[in-house]
Amino acid sequence: MAQVRLFASAREAAGVGRDVIDGATVADVLSLAEARYGARFADVLATCRVWVNGDDVELDTSIGPGDELAVLPPVSGGAT
């Protein structure tokens, strides 16, 4: 089971900032998250980066107990 942390628009779409989701790979966890949170979350997820334990990873990366998967939407802003 992975600790899943959702940030910004991903958190808003899911309605939660943290969850625990079982899965063997990043792809498994994200698929289960999409099923749990619905189409709006899936749309946001398509634009996000995914990190495991602070590292940018591929979808086939294995997930183990105690791993933290972070879903990070693109961020904009700055001074004008």
PDB file of N, CA and C in Angstrom:
ATOM      1  N   MET A   1       0.839  -1.188   0.000  1.00  0.00           N
ATOM      2  CA  MET A   1       0.000   0.000   0.000  1.00  0.00           C
ATOM      3  C   MET A   1       0.875   1.239   0.000  1.00  0.00           C
ATOM      4  N   ALA A   2       0.513   2.184  -0.814  1.00  0.00           N
ATOM      5  CA  ALA A   2       1.259   3.429  -0.903  1.00  0.00           C
ATOM      6  C   ALA A   2       0.486   4.544  -0.214  1.00  0.00           C
ATOM      7  N   GLN A   3       1.220   5.406   0.450  1.00  0.00           N
ATOM      8  CA  GLN A   3       0.651   6.649   0.943  1.00  0.00           C
ATOM      9  C   GLN A   3       0.591   7.571  -0.268  1.00  0.00           C
ATOM     10  N   VAL A   4      -0.583   8.068  -0.587  1.00  0.00           N
ATOM     11  CA  VAL A   4      -0.754   8.938  -1.746  1.00  0.00           C
ATOM     12  C   VAL A   4      -1.024  10.351  -1.248  1.00  0.00           C
ATOM     13  N   ARG A   5      -0.241  11.295  -1.751  1.00  0.00           N
ATOM     14  CA  ARG A   5      -0.437  12.714  -1.423  1.00  0.00           C
ATOM     15  C   ARG A   5      -0.831  13.439  -2.695  1.00  0.00           C
ATOM     16  N   LEU A   6      -1.892  14.202  -2.602  1.00  0.00           N
ATOM     17  CA  LEU A   6      -2.427  14.932  -3.749  1.00  0.00           C
ATOM     18  C   LEU A   6      -2.288  16.428  -3.473  1.00  0.00           C
ATOM     19  N   PHE A   7      -1.835  17.166  -4.469  1.00  0.00           N
ATOM     20  CA  PHE A   7      -1.582  18.585  -4.298  1.00  0.00           C
ATOM     21  C   PHE A   7      -2.425  19.419  -5.253  1.00  0.00           C
ATOM     22  N   ALA A   8      -2.735  20.633  -4.830  1.00  0.00           N
ATOM     23  CA  ALA A   8      -3.396  21.657  -5.642  1.00  0.00           C
ATOM     24  C   ALA A   8      -4.647  21.122  -6.342  1.00  0.00           C
ATOM     25  N   SER A   9      -4.710  21.226  -7.680  1.00  0.00           N
ATOM     26  CA  SER A   9      -5.927  20.834  -8.399  1.00  0.00           C
ATOM     27  C   SER A   9      -6.217  19.339  -8.289  1.00  0.00           C
ATOM     28  N   ALA A  10      -5.204  18.508  -8.094  1.00  0.00           N
ATOM     29  CA  ALA A  10      -5.444  17.074  -7.895  1.00  0.00           C
ATOM     30  C   ALA A  10      -6.171  16.845  -6.571  1.00  0.00           C
ATOM     31  N   ARG A  11      -5.770  17.570  -5.550  1.00  0.00           N
ATOM     32  CA  ARG A  11      -6.441  17.478  -4.248  1.00  0.00           C
ATOM     33  C   ARG A  11      -7.884  17.957  -4.361  1.00  0.00           C
ATOM     34  N   GLU A  12      -8.093  19.055  -5.059  1.00  0.00           N
ATOM     35  CA  GLU A  12      -9.444  19.591  -5.224  1.00  0.00           C
ATOM     36  C   GLU A  12     -10.336  18.608  -5.989  1.00  0.00           C
ATOM     37  N   ALA A  13      -9.808  18.003  -7.044  1.00  0.00           N
ATOM     38  CA  ALA A  13     -10.594  17.063  -7.849  1.00  0.00           C
ATOM     39  C   ALA A  13     -10.938  15.803  -7.068  1.00  0.00           C
ATOM     40  N   ALA A  14     -10.017  15.347  -6.229  1.00  0.00           N
ATOM     41  CA  ALA A  14     -10.245  14.118  -5.454  1.00  0.00           C
ATOM     42  C   ALA A  14     -11.075  14.378  -4.203  1.00  0.00           C
ATOM     43  N   GLY A  15     -10.974  15.580  -3.664  1.00  0.00           N
ATOM     44  CA  GLY A  15     -11.688  15.885  -2.431  1.00  0.00           C
ATOM     45  C   GLY A  15     -10.924  15.484  -1.182  1.00  0.00           C
ATOM     46  N   VAL A  16      -9.693  15.007  -1.355  1.00  0.00           N
ATOM     47  CA  VAL A  16      -8.832  14.633  -0.223  1.00  0.00           C
ATOM     48  C   VAL A  16      -7.391  15.001  -0.564  1.00  0.00           C
ATOM     49  N   GLY A  17      -6.593  15.198   0.466  1.00  0.00           N
ATOM     50  CA  GLY A  17      -5.191  15.498   0.263  1.00  0.00           C
ATOM     51  C   GLY A  17      -4.292  14.294   0.452  1.00  0.00           C
ATOM     52  N   ARG A  18      -4.803  13.282   1.161  1.00  0.00           N
ATOM     53  CA  ARG A  18      -4.032  12.061   1.437  1.00  0.00           C
ATOM     54  C   ARG A  18      -4.956  10.855   1.358  1.00  0.00           C
ATOM     55  N   ASP A  19      -4.358   9.731   0.979  1.00  0.00           N
ATOM     56  CA  ASP A  19      -5.107   8.485   0.962  1.00  0.00           C
ATOM     57  C   ASP A  19      -4.094   7.344   0.995  1.00  0.00           C
ATOM     58  N   VAL A  20      -4.573   6.153   1.221  1.00  0.00           N
ATOM     59  CA  VAL A  20      -3.755   4.945   1.140  1.00  0.00           C
ATOM     60  C   VAL A  20      -4.394   4.075   0.065  1.00  0.00           C
ATOM     61  N   ILE A  21      -3.593   3.729  -0.948  1.00  0.00           N
ATOM     62  CA  ILE A  21      -4.113   2.961  -2.075  1.00  0.00           C
ATOM     63  C   ILE A  21      -3.164   1.805  -2.344  1.00  0.00           C
ATOM     64  N   ASP A  22      -3.727   0.618  -2.476  1.00  0.00           N
ATOM     65  CA  ASP A  22      -2.951  -0.588  -2.728  1.00  0.00           C
ATOM     66  C   ASP A  22      -2.634  -0.691  -4.212  1.00  0.00           C
ATOM     67  N   GLY A  23      -1.452  -1.152  -4.531  1.00  0.00           N
ATOM     68  CA  GLY A  23      -1.058  -1.373  -5.920  1.00  0.00           C
ATOM     69  C   GLY A  23       0.389  -1.790  -5.980  1.00  0.00           C
ATOM     70  N   ALA A  24       0.750  -2.566  -6.983  1.00  0.00           N
ATOM     71  CA  ALA A  24       2.120  -3.057  -7.122  1.00  0.00           C
ATOM     72  C   ALA A  24       3.026  -2.067  -7.839  1.00  0.00           C
ATOM     73  N   THR A  25       2.423  -1.229  -8.700  1.00  0.00           N
ATOM     74  CA  THR A  25       3.190  -0.243  -9.457  1.00  0.00           C
ATOM     75  C   THR A  25       2.513   1.124  -9.368  1.00  0.00           C
ATOM     76  N   VAL A  26       3.227   2.131  -9.823  1.00  0.00           N
ATOM     77  CA  VAL A  26       2.648   3.476  -9.875  1.00  0.00           C
ATOM     78  C   VAL A  26       1.389   3.451 -10.732  1.00  0.00           C
ATOM     79  N   ALA A  27       1.428   2.780 -11.866  1.00  0.00           N
ATOM     80  CA  ALA A  27       0.258   2.700 -12.752  1.00  0.00           C
ATOM     81  C   ALA A  27      -0.937   2.074 -12.042  1.00  0.00           C
ATOM     82  N   ASP A  28      -0.701   1.031 -11.258  1.00  0.00           N
ATOM     83  CA  ASP A  28      -1.791   0.385 -10.513  1.00  0.00           C
ATOM     84  C   ASP A  28      -2.438   1.370  -9.541  1.00  0.00           C
ATOM     85  N   VAL A  29      -1.606   2.072  -8.793  1.00  0.00           N
ATOM     86  CA  VAL A  29      -2.110   3.017  -7.799  1.00  0.00           C
ATOM     87  C   VAL A  29      -2.903   4.130  -8.471  1.00  0.00           C
ATOM     88  N   LEU A  30      -2.376   4.662  -9.563  1.00  0.00           N
ATOM     89  CA  LEU A  30      -3.073   5.751 -10.258  1.00  0.00           C
ATOM     90  C   LEU A  30      -4.379   5.284 -10.880  1.00  0.00           C
ATOM     91  N   SER A  31      -4.407   4.067 -11.402  1.00  0.00           N
ATOM     92  CA  SER A  31      -5.642   3.520 -11.962  1.00  0.00           C
ATOM     93  C   SER A  31      -6.717   3.381 -10.885  1.00  0.00           C
ATOM     94  N   LEU A  32      -6.323   2.878  -9.733  1.00  0.00           N
ATOM     95  CA  LEU A  32      -7.273   2.753  -8.623  1.00  0.00           C
ATOM     96  C   LEU A  32      -7.718   4.126  -8.120  1.00  0.00           C
ATOM     97  N   ALA A  33      -6.813   5.092  -8.131  1.00  0.00           N
ATOM     98  CA  ALA A  33      -7.180   6.457  -7.728  1.00  0.00           C
ATOM     99  C   ALA A  33      -8.189   7.051  -8.702  1.00  0.00           C
ATOM    100  N   GLU A  34      -7.981   6.840 -10.000  1.00  0.00           N
ATOM    101  CA  GLU A  34      -8.939   7.327 -10.998  1.00  0.00           C
ATOM    102  C   GLU A  34     -10.319   6.713 -10.770  1.00  0.00           C
ATOM    103  N   ALA A  35     -10.357   5.411 -10.506  1.00  0.00           N
ATOM    104  CA  ALA A  35     -11.632   4.736 -10.254  1.00  0.00           C
ATOM    105  C   ALA A  35     -12.297   5.281  -8.991  1.00  0.00           C
ATOM    106  N   ARG A  36     -11.504   5.574  -7.992  1.00  0.00           N
ATOM    107  CA  ARG A  36     -12.028   6.063  -6.715  1.00  0.00           C
ATOM    108  C   ARG A  36     -12.528   7.496  -6.812  1.00  0.00           C
ATOM    109  N   TYR A  37     -11.808   8.355  -7.531  1.00  0.00           N
ATOM    110  CA  TYR A  37     -12.113   9.789  -7.528  1.00  0.00           C
ATOM    111  C   TYR A  37     -12.849  10.290  -8.755  1.00  0.00           C
ATOM    112  N   GLY A  38     -12.900   9.518  -9.822  1.00  0.00           N
ATOM    113  CA  GLY A  38     -13.733   9.875 -10.958  1.00  0.00           C
ATOM    114  C   GLY A  38     -13.058  10.627 -12.098  1.00  0.00           C
ATOM    115  N   ALA A  39     -13.903  11.025 -13.052  1.00  0.00           N
ATOM    116  CA  ALA A  39     -13.442  11.610 -14.309  1.00  0.00           C
ATOM    117  C   ALA A  39     -12.718  12.936 -14.118  1.00  0.00           C
ATOM    118  N   ARG A  40     -13.196  13.768 -13.232  1.00  0.00           N
ATOM    119  CA  ARG A  40     -12.535  15.059 -13.020  1.00  0.00           C
ATOM    120  C   ARG A  40     -11.094  14.851 -12.550  1.00  0.00           C
ATOM    121  N   PHE A  41     -10.898  13.914 -11.633  1.00  0.00           N
ATOM    122  CA  PHE A  41      -9.553  13.608 -11.169  1.00  0.00           C
ATOM    123  C   PHE A  41      -8.705  13.053 -12.315  1.00  0.00           C
ATOM    124  N   ALA A  42      -9.264  12.175 -13.122  1.00  0.00           N
ATOM    125  CA  ALA A  42      -8.536  11.593 -14.256  1.00  0.00           C
ATOM    126  C   ALA A  42      -8.076  12.685 -15.218  1.00  0.00           C
ATOM    127  N   ASP A  43      -8.923  13.678 -15.460  1.00  0.00           N
ATOM    128  CA  ASP A  43      -8.550  14.790 -16.337  1.00  0.00           C
ATOM    129  C   ASP A  43      -7.364  15.566 -15.772  1.00  0.00           C
ATOM    130  N   VAL A  44      -7.397  15.842 -14.472  1.00  0.00           N
ATOM    131  CA  VAL A  44      -6.298  16.560 -13.820  1.00  0.00           C
ATOM    132  C   VAL A  44      -5.036  15.703 -13.842  1.00  0.00           C
ATOM    133  N   LEU A  45      -5.180  14.425 -13.555  1.00  0.00           N
ATOM    134  CA  LEU A  45      -4.039  13.511 -13.483  1.00  0.00           C
ATOM    135  C   LEU A  45      -3.255  13.488 -14.795  1.00  0.00           C
ATOM    136  N   ALA A  46      -3.945  13.650 -15.904  1.00  0.00           N
ATOM    137  CA  ALA A  46      -3.298  13.622 -17.220  1.00  0.00           C
ATOM    138  C   ALA A  46      -2.241  14.711 -17.373  1.00  0.00           C
ATOM    139  N   THR A  47      -2.306  15.766 -16.570  1.00  0.00           N
ATOM    140  CA  THR A  47      -1.346  16.870 -16.662  1.00  0.00           C
ATOM    141  C   THR A  47      -0.306  16.845 -15.546  1.00  0.00           C
ATOM    142  N   CYS A  48      -0.376  15.856 -14.678  1.00  0.00           N
ATOM    143  CA  CYS A  48       0.451  15.842 -13.470  1.00  0.00           C
ATOM    144  C   CYS A  48       1.763  15.091 -13.637  1.00  0.00           C
ATOM    145  N   ARG A  49       2.705  15.430 -12.773  1.00  0.00           N
ATOM    146  CA  ARG A  49       3.924  14.654 -12.573  1.00  0.00           C
ATOM    147  C   ARG A  49       3.685  13.755 -11.372  1.00  0.00           C
ATOM    148  N   VAL A  50       4.335  12.610 -11.354  1.00  0.00           N
ATOM    149  CA  VAL A  50       4.198  11.687 -10.229  1.00  0.00           C
ATOM    150  C   VAL A  50       5.584  11.383  -9.686  1.00  0.00           C
ATOM    151  N   TRP A  51       5.722  11.546  -8.394  1.00  0.00           N
ATOM    152  CA  TRP A  51       6.984  11.266  -7.720  1.00  0.00           C
ATOM    153  C   TRP A  51       6.756  10.194  -6.671  1.00  0.00           C
ATOM    154  N   VAL A  52       7.744   9.360  -6.465  1.00  0.00           N
ATOM    155  CA  VAL A  52       7.723   8.379  -5.381  1.00  0.00           C
ATOM    156  C   VAL A  52       8.940   8.657  -4.505  1.00  0.00           C
ATOM    157  N   ASN A  53       8.653   8.902  -3.244  1.00  0.00           N
ATOM    158  CA  ASN A  53       9.705   9.191  -2.263  1.00  0.00           C
ATOM    159  C   ASN A  53      10.625  10.317  -2.729  1.00  0.00           C
ATOM    160  N   GLY A  54      10.035  11.332  -3.375  1.00  0.00           N
ATOM    161  CA  GLY A  54      10.793  12.499  -3.798  1.00  0.00           C
ATOM    162  C   GLY A  54      11.495  12.386  -5.131  1.00  0.00           C
ATOM    163  N   ASP A  55      11.305  11.273  -5.843  1.00  0.00           N
ATOM    164  CA  ASP A  55      11.954  11.079  -7.147  1.00  0.00           C
ATOM    165  C   ASP A  55      10.911  10.978  -8.260  1.00  0.00           C
ATOM    166  N   ASP A  56      11.176  11.648  -9.374  1.00  0.00           N
ATOM    167  CA  ASP A  56      10.343  11.540 -10.562  1.00  0.00           C
ATOM    168  C   ASP A  56      10.453  10.105 -11.075  1.00  0.00           C
ATOM    169  N   VAL A  57       9.316   9.449 -11.352  1.00  0.00           N
ATOM    170  CA  VAL A  57       9.340   8.027 -11.702  1.00  0.00           C
ATOM    171  C   VAL A  57       8.508   7.733 -12.945  1.00  0.00           C
ATOM    172  N   GLU A  58       8.711   6.538 -13.466  1.00  0.00           N
ATOM    173  CA  GLU A  58       7.919   6.021 -14.583  1.00  0.00           C
ATOM    174  C   GLU A  58       6.716   5.258 -14.027  1.00  0.00           C
ATOM    175  N   LEU A  59       5.719   5.035 -14.871  1.00  0.00           N
ATOM    176  CA  LEU A  59       4.498   4.355 -14.440  1.00  0.00           C
ATOM    177  C   LEU A  59       4.729   2.905 -14.031  1.00  0.00           C
ATOM    178  N   ASP A  60       5.779   2.264 -14.550  1.00  0.00           N
ATOM    179  CA  ASP A  60       6.023   0.863 -14.213  1.00  0.00           C
ATOM    180  C   ASP A  60       6.879   0.693 -12.951  1.00  0.00           C
ATOM    181  N   THR A  61       7.162   1.792 -12.256  1.00  0.00           N
ATOM    182  CA  THR A  61       7.941   1.738 -11.017  1.00  0.00           C
ATOM    183  C   THR A  61       7.174   0.976  -9.941  1.00  0.00           C
ATOM    184  N   SER A  62       7.851   0.061  -9.267  1.00  0.00           N
ATOM    185  CA  SER A  62       7.230  -0.715  -8.182  1.00  0.00           C
ATOM    186  C   SER A  62       6.962   0.167  -6.977  1.00  0.00           C
ATOM    187  N   ILE A  63       5.873  -0.156  -6.282  1.00  0.00           N
ATOM    188  CA  ILE A  63       5.476   0.552  -5.057  1.00  0.00           C
ATOM    189  C   ILE A  63       5.451  -0.466  -3.930  1.00  0.00           C
ATOM    190  N   GLY A  64       6.022  -0.089  -2.809  1.00  0.00           N
ATOM    191  CA  GLY A  64       6.026  -0.977  -1.656  1.00  0.00           C
ATOM    192  C   GLY A  64       5.417  -0.311  -0.444  1.00  0.00           C
ATOM    193  N   PRO A  65       5.260  -1.076   0.626  1.00  0.00           N
ATOM    194  CA  PRO A  65       4.721  -0.511   1.858  1.00  0.00           C
ATOM    195  C   PRO A  65       5.632   0.618   2.344  1.00  0.00           C
ATOM    196  N   GLY A  66       5.023   1.692   2.749  1.00  0.00           N
ATOM    197  CA  GLY A  66       5.781   2.820   3.266  1.00  0.00           C
ATOM    198  C   GLY A  66       6.229   3.809   2.209  1.00  0.00           C
ATOM    199  N   ASP A  67       6.035   3.484   0.924  1.00  0.00           N
ATOM    200  CA  ASP A  67       6.385   4.446  -0.124  1.00  0.00           C
ATOM    201  C   ASP A  67       5.351   5.564  -0.154  1.00  0.00           C
ATOM    202  N   GLU A  68       5.809   6.755  -0.520  1.00  0.00           N
ATOM    203  CA  GLU A  68       4.906   7.896  -0.666  1.00  0.00           C
ATOM    204  C   GLU A  68       4.872   8.307  -2.124  1.00  0.00           C
ATOM    205  N   LEU A  69       3.686   8.277  -2.703  1.00  0.00           N
ATOM    206  CA  LEU A  69       3.462   8.667  -4.080  1.00  0.00           C
ATOM    207  C   LEU A  69       2.822  10.053  -4.060  1.00  0.00           C
ATOM    208  N   ALA A  70       3.455  11.019  -4.707  1.00  0.00           N
ATOM    209  CA  ALA A  70       2.944  12.392  -4.751  1.00  0.00           C
ATOM    210  C   ALA A  70       2.468  12.716  -6.156  1.00  0.00           C
ATOM    211  N   VAL A  71       1.258  13.268  -6.254  1.00  0.00           N
ATOM    212  CA  VAL A  71       0.682  13.701  -7.530  1.00  0.00           C
ATOM    213  C   VAL A  71       0.777  15.225  -7.562  1.00  0.00           C
ATOM    214  N   LEU A  72       1.600  15.728  -8.510  1.00  0.00           N
ATOM    215  CA  LEU A  72       1.946  17.144  -8.558  1.00  0.00           C
ATOM    216  C   LEU A  72       1.467  17.779  -9.868  1.00  0.00           C
ATOM    217  N   PRO A  73       0.396  18.552  -9.813  1.00  0.00           N
ATOM    218  CA  PRO A  73      -0.064  19.265 -11.018  1.00  0.00           C
ATOM    219  C   PRO A  73       0.936  20.362 -11.399  1.00  0.00           C
ATOM    220  N   PRO A  74       0.876  20.825 -12.653  1.00  0.00           N
ATOM    221  CA  PRO A  74       1.727  21.928 -13.031  1.00  0.00           C
ATOM    222  C   PRO A  74       1.390  23.159 -12.199  1.00  0.00           C
ATOM    223  N   VAL A  75       2.401  23.954 -11.942  1.00  0.00           N
ATOM    224  CA  VAL A  75       2.220  25.152 -11.123  1.00  0.00           C
ATOM    225  C   VAL A  75       2.538  26.366 -11.980  1.00  0.00           C
ATOM    226  N   SER A  76       1.725  27.377 -11.837  1.00  0.00           N
ATOM    227  CA  SER A  76       2.012  28.628 -12.548  1.00  0.00           C
ATOM    228  C   SER A  76       1.982  29.762 -11.530  1.00  0.00           C
ATOM    229  N   GLY A  77       2.466  30.868 -11.949  1.00  0.00           N
ATOM    230  CA  GLY A  77       2.449  32.035 -11.075  1.00  0.00           C
ATOM    231  C   GLY A  77       3.732  32.818 -11.228  1.00  0.00           C
ATOM    232  N   GLY A  78       3.909  33.739 -10.334  1.00  0.00           N
ATOM    233  CA  GLY A  78       5.093  34.581 -10.376  1.00  0.00           C
ATOM    234  C   GLY A  78       4.716  36.034 -10.317  1.00  0.00           C
ATOM    235  N   ALA A  79       5.701  36.860 -10.299  1.00  0.00           N
ATOM    236  CA  ALA A  79       5.485  38.308 -10.206  1.00  0.00           C
ATOM    237  C   ALA A  79       5.132  38.868 -11.575  1.00  0.00           C
ATOM    238  N   THR A  80       4.328  39.911 -11.570  1.00  0.00           N
ATOM    239  CA  THR A  80       3.997  40.576 -12.827  1.00  0.00           C
ATOM    240  C   THR A  80       4.455  41.998 -12.780  1.00  0.00           C
TER     241      THR A  80
END
